[in-house]
Amino acid sequence: MADLINVIESWLYNLIVGWGASQGLAQFILQVLGSVLVVILCFVIVIALIWVERKLAGRIQDRFGPNRAGPYGIFQSFADIIKIFTKEYVTPTGADKGLFNIAPVLAMASVLAIWAVFPFAINVIGADISVGVLYIVAIGSFGILAILMAGWSSNNRFALLGASRSVAMLISYEIPMVISLLIPVLLAKSMNLSAIIDAQRPWWFLIVAPIAALFFLISSMAEIGKAPFDLLEAESELVAGYHTEYSGMKFGMFYVAEFLHQYTVGALMTIFFLGGWSGPLAATWPILGVIYFFTKTFIVYLMISWIRLSLPRIRIDEMLNLNWKFLIPVSFLNLIMVAVADRVLMELDPARWIYVGVMFVLSMALLLTSLFVAGKTKPAVERVEFPPRAVAVSPQSDRSKS
């Protein structure tokens, strides 16, 4: 597959240069075409994921899900696309039109830009940069800015409150997420995504550092606002949250970005903790690497959907307490433990399976100890004494007693 891509790229390059374009312009056009192909792939994935998640939600919640538009409801997503395109664009009075219109575009771009550096197979890589992890963290932060811009510019109290919640929640949960990402970087000795995948052969980092994988999954679910962390769009008190005033394709951009972000989290979990495209014969046949990559990503996506469809929403104070009082302290302890243990074991130079076993045992010991300590240090519930209520006695009842 990689050879075929190289042949097509060389043919297009020679064709563009043959039309009179310079070499730099030809390379730029090829990069634009590659970006367009990635965007098209992402939109096709979203169309399929919307149907999959609705059918999965139906099965989990004991209902059918989409079953009218086409066989098994497979055309339901296309019906939704037509509906969104034909809806009226509404801009509320008093809204900041510039920020109001830029916010959904920025939300989409923040997710799509992450896919530019994903290694789909051994030689199928968008942009093989040496600081891929830093790029992902930086680009992912634009999504928070888009939510804040949407709430601030809408001239709506519910949207502003939803955006304020997003700032408190998303920025807070970025801390354990970034700390968890430091562990694959530490173990691979590189921030390059391809190097991180190569370092996981034959043992995935999910086994070497299970705490980092678990905390990255939890913090990523909070980042995308999925249950039980879906307080950005708590319809019971915030209507629809930060995108209350959006309609038509502007709302559709937020909707697509949310679904694609969940799938992107599955891809990131695959790269950092599940070996990426690696698998049997993946180095020899790159098409197998692509299949392994998207299969692992889809499995993680289904797991996130299963969690969000099964757990109820938690309160904002509980969510912040979980982050600041448990995830962040344990993440720092885990980072220190992994760094020290990796250094000591590298000096001892044991067999690889011994290294992996020791790291796994240490991680599980830290996790169990942290859960035990957290269970023993529950915050005391302050008891409030209420004055006795005065009971009104009707004159009729007094006469009956007398």
Protein backbone atom coordinates (compact mmCIF):
# COMPACT_ATOMS: atom_id res chain seq x y z
CA MET A 1 0.00 0.00 0.00
CA ALA A 2 2.84 2.38 0.85
CA ASP A 3 4.44 1.63 -2.54
CA LEU A 4 1.16 2.37 -4.29
CA ILE A 5 0.84 5.69 -2.46
CA ASN A 6 4.41 6.62 -3.43
CA VAL A 7 3.71 5.76 -7.07
CA ILE A 8 0.54 7.88 -7.11
CA GLU A 9 2.34 10.76 -5.35
CA SER A 10 5.22 10.66 -7.87
CA TRP A 11 2.79 10.55 -10.81
CA LEU A 12 0.81 13.54 -9.52
CA TYR A 13 4.01 15.45 -8.76
CA ASN A 14 5.36 14.92 -12.26
CA LEU A 15 1.97 15.80 -13.74
CA ILE A 16 1.74 19.10 -11.84
CA VAL A 17 5.36 20.01 -12.63
CA GLY A 18 4.72 19.12 -16.28
CA TRP A 19 1.91 21.70 -16.35
CA GLY A 20 4.47 24.39 -15.57
CA ALA A 21 4.25 24.63 -11.79
CA SER A 22 7.39 25.03 -9.70
CA GLN A 23 8.59 22.23 -7.45
CA GLY A 24 7.56 24.11 -4.29
CA LEU A 25 4.08 24.79 -5.67
CA ALA A 26 3.71 21.15 -6.74
CA GLN A 27 4.65 19.97 -3.24
CA PHE A 28 2.18 22.44 -1.72
CA ILE A 29 -0.63 21.22 -3.99
CA LEU A 30 0.09 17.60 -3.02
CA GLN A 31 -0.07 18.52 0.68
CA VAL A 32 -3.40 20.28 0.11
CA LEU A 33 -4.76 17.21 -1.71
CA GLY A 34 -3.60 14.98 1.13
CA SER A 35 -5.31 17.23 3.67
CA VAL A 36 -8.53 17.16 1.64
CA LEU A 37 -8.43 13.35 1.53
CA VAL A 38 -7.99 13.19 5.32
CA VAL A 39 -10.93 15.57 5.81
CA ILE A 40 -13.13 13.49 3.48
CA LEU A 41 -12.13 10.34 5.35
CA CYS A 42 -13.05 11.95 8.68
CA PHE A 43 -16.47 13.03 7.40
CA VAL A 44 -17.19 9.54 6.06
CA ILE A 45 -16.20 8.10 9.43
CA VAL A 46 -18.54 10.50 11.24
CA ILE A 47 -21.49 9.56 9.01
CA ALA A 48 -20.94 5.90 9.88
CA LEU A 49 -20.32 6.57 13.58
CA ILE A 50 -23.58 8.48 14.04
CA TRP A 51 -25.52 5.44 12.84
CA VAL A 52 -23.39 3.02 14.90
CA GLU A 53 -23.77 4.98 18.13
CA ARG A 54 -27.53 5.36 17.69
CA LYS A 55 -27.97 1.64 17.09
CA LEU A 56 -25.71 0.86 20.06
CA ALA A 57 -27.66 3.25 22.27
CA GLY A 58 -30.87 1.59 21.20
CA ARG A 59 -29.62 -1.88 22.10
CA ILE A 60 -28.24 -0.78 25.47
CA GLN A 61 -31.44 1.14 26.34
CA ASP A 62 -33.77 -1.64 25.15
CA ARG A 63 -35.10 0.02 21.98
CA PHE A 64 -34.57 -0.33 18.26
CA GLY A 65 -32.68 2.81 17.30
CA PRO A 66 -32.90 4.07 13.68
CA ASN A 67 -34.94 1.60 11.63
CA ARG A 68 -36.98 3.67 9.15
CA ALA A 69 -34.60 5.40 6.73
CA GLY A 70 -33.26 2.54 4.66
CA PRO A 71 -32.53 -1.05 5.76
CA TYR A 72 -31.63 -1.06 9.46
CA GLY A 73 -31.82 2.75 9.37
CA ILE A 74 -28.46 3.13 7.60
CA PHE A 75 -29.62 6.25 5.73
CA GLN A 76 -30.66 8.07 8.91
CA SER A 77 -27.39 10.03 9.01
CA PHE A 78 -27.96 11.30 5.46
CA ALA A 79 -31.47 12.41 6.44
CA ASP A 80 -29.96 14.35 9.35
CA ILE A 81 -27.44 15.98 7.01
CA ILE A 82 -30.22 17.15 4.70
CA LYS A 83 -32.19 18.46 7.67
CA ILE A 84 -29.22 20.42 9.02
CA PHE A 85 -28.40 21.93 5.62
CA THR A 86 -31.99 23.13 5.11
CA LYS A 87 -32.39 24.73 8.55
CA GLU A 88 -32.39 28.51 8.87
CA TYR A 89 -29.24 30.24 10.11
CA VAL A 90 -30.15 32.34 13.15
CA THR A 91 -27.85 34.88 14.79
CA PRO A 92 -29.22 36.26 18.06
CA THR A 93 -29.59 40.00 18.58
CA GLY A 94 -26.60 41.47 20.35
CA ALA A 95 -24.29 38.57 19.49
CA ASP A 96 -20.68 39.15 18.47
CA LYS A 97 -21.08 37.97 14.87
CA GLY A 98 -17.38 37.49 14.21
CA LEU A 99 -16.68 35.22 17.16
CA PHE A 100 -20.13 33.61 16.82
CA ASN A 101 -19.36 32.42 13.28
CA ILE A 102 -15.71 31.50 13.86
CA ALA A 103 -16.37 29.26 16.89
CA PRO A 104 -17.92 26.24 15.06
CA VAL A 105 -15.23 26.39 12.36
CA LEU A 106 -12.50 26.43 15.02
CA ALA A 107 -14.15 23.50 16.83
CA MET A 108 -14.04 21.41 13.65
CA ALA A 109 -10.51 22.49 12.73
CA SER A 110 -9.14 21.64 16.18
CA VAL A 111 -10.19 18.00 15.70
CA LEU A 112 -9.33 17.62 12.03
CA ALA A 113 -5.83 19.10 12.47
CA ILE A 114 -4.90 16.35 14.94
CA TRP A 115 -5.30 13.71 12.21
CA ALA A 116 -2.54 15.36 10.17
CA VAL A 117 0.19 13.66 12.24
CA PHE A 118 -1.33 10.20 12.73
CA PRO A 119 0.77 7.23 11.52
CA PHE A 120 -1.79 4.90 9.93
CA ALA A 121 0.81 2.30 8.89
CA ILE A 122 4.57 1.86 8.76
CA ASN A 123 4.99 4.26 5.81
CA VAL A 124 1.56 5.89 5.72
CA ILE A 125 2.05 9.04 7.79
CA GLY A 126 0.62 12.47 7.26
CA ALA A 127 3.33 14.68 8.77
CA ASP A 128 6.07 12.81 10.60
CA ILE A 129 7.16 15.59 12.97
CA SER A 130 9.53 15.06 15.89
CA VAL A 131 7.23 16.78 18.42
CA GLY A 132 3.97 15.01 17.56
CA VAL A 133 2.81 14.78 21.18
CA LEU A 134 3.36 18.50 21.75
CA TYR A 135 1.49 19.26 18.52
CA ILE A 136 -1.52 17.18 19.62
CA VAL A 137 -1.70 18.88 23.03
CA ALA A 138 -1.42 22.35 21.47
CA ILE A 139 -3.99 21.78 18.71
CA GLY A 140 -6.43 20.09 21.08
CA SER A 141 -6.53 23.23 23.22
CA PHE A 142 -8.15 25.16 20.37
CA GLY A 143 -11.35 23.21 21.04
CA ILE A 144 -11.60 24.78 24.50
CA LEU A 145 -11.17 28.22 22.95
CA ALA A 146 -13.95 27.46 20.44
CA ILE A 147 -16.38 26.52 23.22
CA LEU A 148 -15.51 29.67 25.18
CA MET A 149 -15.97 31.83 22.08
CA ALA A 150 -19.34 30.22 21.31
CA GLY A 151 -20.72 30.84 24.80
CA TRP A 152 -19.31 34.35 25.16
CA SER A 153 -20.47 35.59 21.75
CA SER A 154 -24.03 34.17 21.89
CA ASN A 155 -25.46 36.86 24.20
CA ASN A 156 -27.20 34.10 26.15
CA ARG A 157 -26.84 33.40 29.86
CA PHE A 158 -27.24 29.66 29.48
CA ALA A 159 -24.59 29.54 26.76
CA LEU A 160 -22.22 31.69 28.84
CA LEU A 161 -22.71 29.48 31.89
CA GLY A 162 -22.04 26.38 29.78
CA ALA A 163 -18.87 27.98 28.41
CA SER A 164 -17.75 28.91 31.93
CA ARG A 165 -18.23 25.32 33.03
CA SER A 166 -16.16 24.20 30.07
CA VAL A 167 -13.26 26.41 31.12
CA ALA A 168 -13.35 25.04 34.66
CA MET A 169 -13.66 21.43 33.55
CA LEU A 170 -11.62 21.13 30.36
CA ILE A 171 -8.61 23.08 31.56
CA SER A 172 -8.63 21.12 34.83
CA TYR A 173 -8.74 17.74 33.11
CA GLU A 174 -5.98 18.71 30.69
CA ILE A 175 -3.49 18.43 33.57
CA PRO A 176 -3.83 14.65 34.21
CA MET A 177 -4.17 14.08 30.46
CA VAL A 178 -0.84 15.78 29.69
CA ILE A 179 0.86 14.04 32.63
CA SER A 180 -0.40 10.70 31.33
CA LEU A 181 1.00 11.51 27.89
CA LEU A 182 4.41 12.16 29.43
CA ILE A 183 4.71 8.49 30.36
CA PRO A 184 4.67 7.10 26.77
CA VAL A 185 7.13 9.86 25.89
CA LEU A 186 9.33 8.82 28.80
CA LEU A 187 9.20 5.12 27.95
CA ALA A 188 9.80 5.69 24.22
CA LYS A 189 12.44 8.39 24.80
CA SER A 190 10.80 10.43 22.02
CA MET A 191 7.84 12.70 21.25
CA ASN A 192 7.57 11.31 17.71
CA LEU A 193 4.40 9.22 17.27
CA SER A 194 6.10 6.63 15.06
CA ALA A 195 8.85 6.18 17.66
CA ILE A 196 6.23 5.69 20.39
CA ILE A 197 4.55 2.98 18.30
CA ASP A 198 7.89 1.26 17.59
CA ALA A 199 8.68 1.23 21.33
CA GLN A 200 5.50 -0.79 22.01
CA ARG A 201 6.61 -3.87 20.10
CA PRO A 202 5.92 -6.48 21.39
CA TRP A 203 4.55 -5.08 24.71
CA TRP A 204 1.93 -2.35 24.62
CA PHE A 205 2.19 0.57 27.04
CA LEU A 206 -1.28 -0.40 28.27
CA ILE A 207 0.45 -3.26 30.10
CA VAL A 208 3.58 -1.35 31.07
CA ALA A 209 1.71 1.71 32.42
CA PRO A 210 -1.98 0.87 33.00
CA ILE A 211 -2.57 3.86 35.29
CA ALA A 212 -1.51 6.28 32.57
CA ALA A 213 -3.83 4.59 30.07
CA LEU A 214 -6.77 4.65 32.51
CA PHE A 215 -6.28 8.29 33.49
CA PHE A 216 -5.79 9.35 29.88
CA LEU A 217 -9.10 7.68 28.97
CA ILE A 218 -10.95 9.31 31.88
CA SER A 219 -9.54 12.79 31.26
CA SER A 220 -10.15 12.47 27.51
CA MET A 221 -13.79 11.58 28.12
CA ALA A 222 -14.06 14.72 30.24
CA GLU A 223 -12.39 16.71 27.46
CA ILE A 224 -14.97 15.63 24.89
CA GLY A 225 -17.83 16.13 27.34
CA LYS A 226 -19.15 12.59 27.32
CA ALA A 227 -21.19 11.12 30.18
CA PRO A 228 -20.68 11.03 33.07
CA PHE A 229 -18.81 14.28 32.34
CA ASP A 230 -21.33 15.85 29.94
CA LEU A 231 -21.92 19.01 31.97
CA LEU A 232 -21.08 21.24 29.01
CA GLU A 233 -24.50 20.42 27.55
CA ALA A 234 -26.51 19.65 30.67
CA GLU A 235 -29.95 20.08 29.13
CA SER A 236 -31.70 19.80 32.49
CA GLU A 237 -30.33 23.18 33.64
CA LEU A 238 -28.48 24.73 30.66
CA VAL A 239 -30.86 24.00 27.73
CA ALA A 240 -28.12 22.93 25.27
CA GLY A 241 -25.13 24.61 26.88
CA TYR A 242 -22.62 26.63 24.91
CA HIS A 243 -24.28 26.03 21.51
CA THR A 244 -27.83 26.91 22.56
CA GLU A 245 -28.13 29.70 19.98
CA TYR A 246 -26.64 27.78 17.05
CA SER A 247 -28.72 26.32 14.24
CA GLY A 248 -28.27 24.84 10.80
CA MET A 249 -24.79 23.90 9.66
CA LYS A 250 -23.18 25.90 12.47
CA PHE A 251 -24.74 23.54 14.97
CA GLY A 252 -23.84 20.66 12.66
CA MET A 253 -20.16 21.58 12.92
CA PHE A 254 -20.26 21.28 16.70
CA TYR A 255 -22.16 18.01 16.35
CA VAL A 256 -19.66 16.54 13.87
CA ALA A 257 -16.70 17.76 15.94
CA GLU A 258 -18.11 16.00 19.01
CA PHE A 259 -18.48 12.63 17.25
CA LEU A 260 -15.12 12.94 15.50
CA HIS A 261 -13.42 13.97 18.74
CA GLN A 262 -14.62 10.78 20.42
CA TYR A 263 -13.21 8.72 17.56
CA THR A 264 -10.00 10.76 17.73
CA VAL A 265 -9.64 9.84 21.40
CA GLY A 266 -9.84 6.20 20.33
CA ALA A 267 -7.07 6.84 17.79
CA LEU A 268 -4.90 8.54 20.43
CA MET A 269 -5.43 5.64 22.84
CA THR A 270 -4.41 3.29 20.04
CA ILE A 271 -1.23 5.22 19.29
CA PHE A 272 -0.06 5.82 22.85
CA PHE A 273 -1.13 2.65 24.64
CA LEU A 274 -2.27 -0.03 22.15
CA GLY A 275 0.67 -0.21 19.77
CA GLY A 276 -0.84 1.88 16.98
CA TRP A 277 -0.73 0.09 13.63
CA SER A 278 1.59 -2.67 14.91
CA GLY A 279 0.41 -6.25 14.60
CA PRO A 280 1.22 -9.53 12.84
CA LEU A 281 2.77 -8.86 9.40
CA ALA A 282 1.94 -5.15 9.62
CA ALA A 283 5.53 -4.17 8.85
CA THR A 284 5.54 -6.35 5.70
CA TRP A 285 2.01 -5.53 4.50
CA PRO A 286 1.15 -1.90 5.37
CA ILE A 287 -2.53 -2.47 4.52
CA LEU A 288 -2.71 -4.72 7.58
CA GLY A 289 -1.34 -1.87 9.67
CA VAL A 290 -4.16 0.38 8.49
CA ILE A 291 -6.71 -2.32 9.35
CA TYR A 292 -5.17 -2.88 12.80
CA PHE A 293 -5.13 0.87 13.48
CA PHE A 294 -8.78 1.50 12.63
CA THR A 295 -9.94 -1.72 14.31
CA LYS A 296 -8.29 -0.80 17.62
CA THR A 297 -9.61 2.74 17.32
CA PHE A 298 -13.15 1.51 16.71
CA ILE A 299 -12.99 -0.83 19.72
CA VAL A 300 -11.96 2.05 21.99
CA TYR A 301 -14.73 4.17 20.48
CA LEU A 302 -17.31 1.49 21.29
CA MET A 303 -15.97 1.24 24.85
CA ILE A 304 -16.34 5.00 25.36
CA SER A 305 -19.89 4.85 23.95
CA TRP A 306 -20.71 1.94 26.26
CA ILE A 307 -19.49 3.92 29.28
CA ARG A 308 -21.37 7.08 28.37
CA LEU A 309 -24.60 5.22 27.69
CA SER A 310 -24.41 3.34 30.99
CA LEU A 311 -23.38 5.91 33.62
CA PRO A 312 -25.45 8.85 34.90
CA ARG A 313 -24.20 12.42 34.91
CA ILE A 314 -22.27 13.54 37.98
CA ARG A 315 -22.32 16.97 39.61
CA ILE A 316 -19.78 19.64 38.73
CA ASP A 317 -18.29 19.63 42.26
CA GLU A 318 -17.89 15.84 42.19
CA MET A 319 -16.21 16.04 38.81
CA LEU A 320 -13.73 18.69 39.93
CA ASN A 321 -13.04 16.86 43.18
CA LEU A 322 -12.26 13.69 41.23
CA ASN A 323 -9.77 15.61 39.15
CA TRP A 324 -8.01 17.80 41.70
CA LYS A 325 -8.09 15.43 44.68
CA PHE A 326 -7.44 12.09 42.95
CA LEU A 327 -6.41 12.13 39.28
CA ILE A 328 -3.79 14.88 39.47
CA PRO A 329 -1.98 13.70 42.65
CA VAL A 330 -1.94 10.06 41.53
CA SER A 331 -0.81 11.11 38.03
CA PHE A 332 2.21 12.90 39.49
CA LEU A 333 3.03 9.94 41.74
CA ASN A 334 2.69 7.58 38.77
CA LEU A 335 5.00 9.73 36.64
CA ILE A 336 7.67 9.76 39.37
CA MET A 337 7.32 6.02 39.97
CA VAL A 338 7.57 5.15 36.26
CA ALA A 339 10.59 7.41 35.79
CA VAL A 340 12.47 5.93 38.76
CA ALA A 341 11.51 2.32 38.00
CA ASP A 342 12.42 2.70 34.32
CA ARG A 343 15.81 4.15 35.21
CA VAL A 344 16.60 1.43 37.76
CA LEU A 345 15.48 -1.39 35.48
CA MET A 346 17.43 0.00 32.55
CA GLU A 347 20.56 -0.07 34.73
CA LEU A 348 19.87 -3.68 35.76
CA ASP A 349 19.08 -4.64 32.13
CA PRO A 350 16.66 -7.54 32.85
CA ALA A 351 14.75 -9.54 30.25
CA ARG A 352 11.95 -7.61 28.58
CA TRP A 353 9.18 -9.68 30.14
CA ILE A 354 10.65 -9.08 33.62
CA TYR A 355 10.75 -5.33 32.92
CA VAL A 356 7.11 -5.33 31.81
CA GLY A 357 6.01 -7.49 34.77
CA VAL A 358 7.71 -5.26 37.35
CA MET A 359 6.25 -2.09 35.82
CA PHE A 360 2.75 -3.61 35.72
CA VAL A 361 2.93 -4.78 39.35
CA LEU A 362 4.17 -1.38 40.55
CA SER A 363 1.40 0.43 38.66
CA MET A 364 -1.34 -1.81 40.03
CA ALA A 365 0.07 -1.47 43.57
CA LEU A 366 0.00 2.33 43.27
CA LEU A 367 -3.55 2.30 41.89
CA LEU A 368 -4.91 0.01 44.61
CA THR A 369 -3.12 1.98 47.33
CA SER A 370 -4.50 5.25 45.98
CA LEU A 371 -8.05 3.88 45.87
CA PHE A 372 -7.69 2.59 49.45
CA VAL A 373 -6.40 5.93 50.73
CA ALA A 374 -9.10 7.83 48.84
CA GLY A 375 -11.75 5.59 50.38
CA LYS A 376 -10.40 6.22 53.88
CA THR A 377 -10.21 10.00 53.48
CA LYS A 378 -13.74 10.82 52.43
CA PRO A 379 -14.71 14.41 53.27
CA ALA A 380 -16.76 14.68 56.43
CA VAL A 381 -20.36 15.68 55.80
CA GLU A 382 -21.25 18.67 57.91
CA ARG A 383 -24.44 18.14 59.88
CA VAL A 384 -26.85 21.06 59.76
CA GLU A 385 -29.34 21.50 62.59
CA PHE A 386 -32.64 22.98 61.52
CA PRO A 387 -34.95 24.70 64.02
CA PRO A 388 -38.21 22.87 64.72
CA ARG A 389 -41.03 23.83 62.41
CA ALA A 390 -43.99 25.61 63.96
CA VAL A 391 -47.18 23.64 63.41
CA ALA A 392 -50.23 25.76 62.72
CA VAL A 393 -53.30 24.59 64.59
CA SER A 394 -56.70 25.53 63.24
CA PRO A 395 -59.30 26.90 65.62
CA GLN A 396 -61.60 24.05 64.67
CA SER A 397 -59.14 21.48 65.97
CA ASP A 398 -58.76 23.42 69.24
CA ARG A 399 -62.52 23.38 69.86
CA SER A 400 -62.67 19.66 69.11
CA LYS A 401 -59.94 18.97 71.68
CA SER A 402 -61.65 21.05 74.31
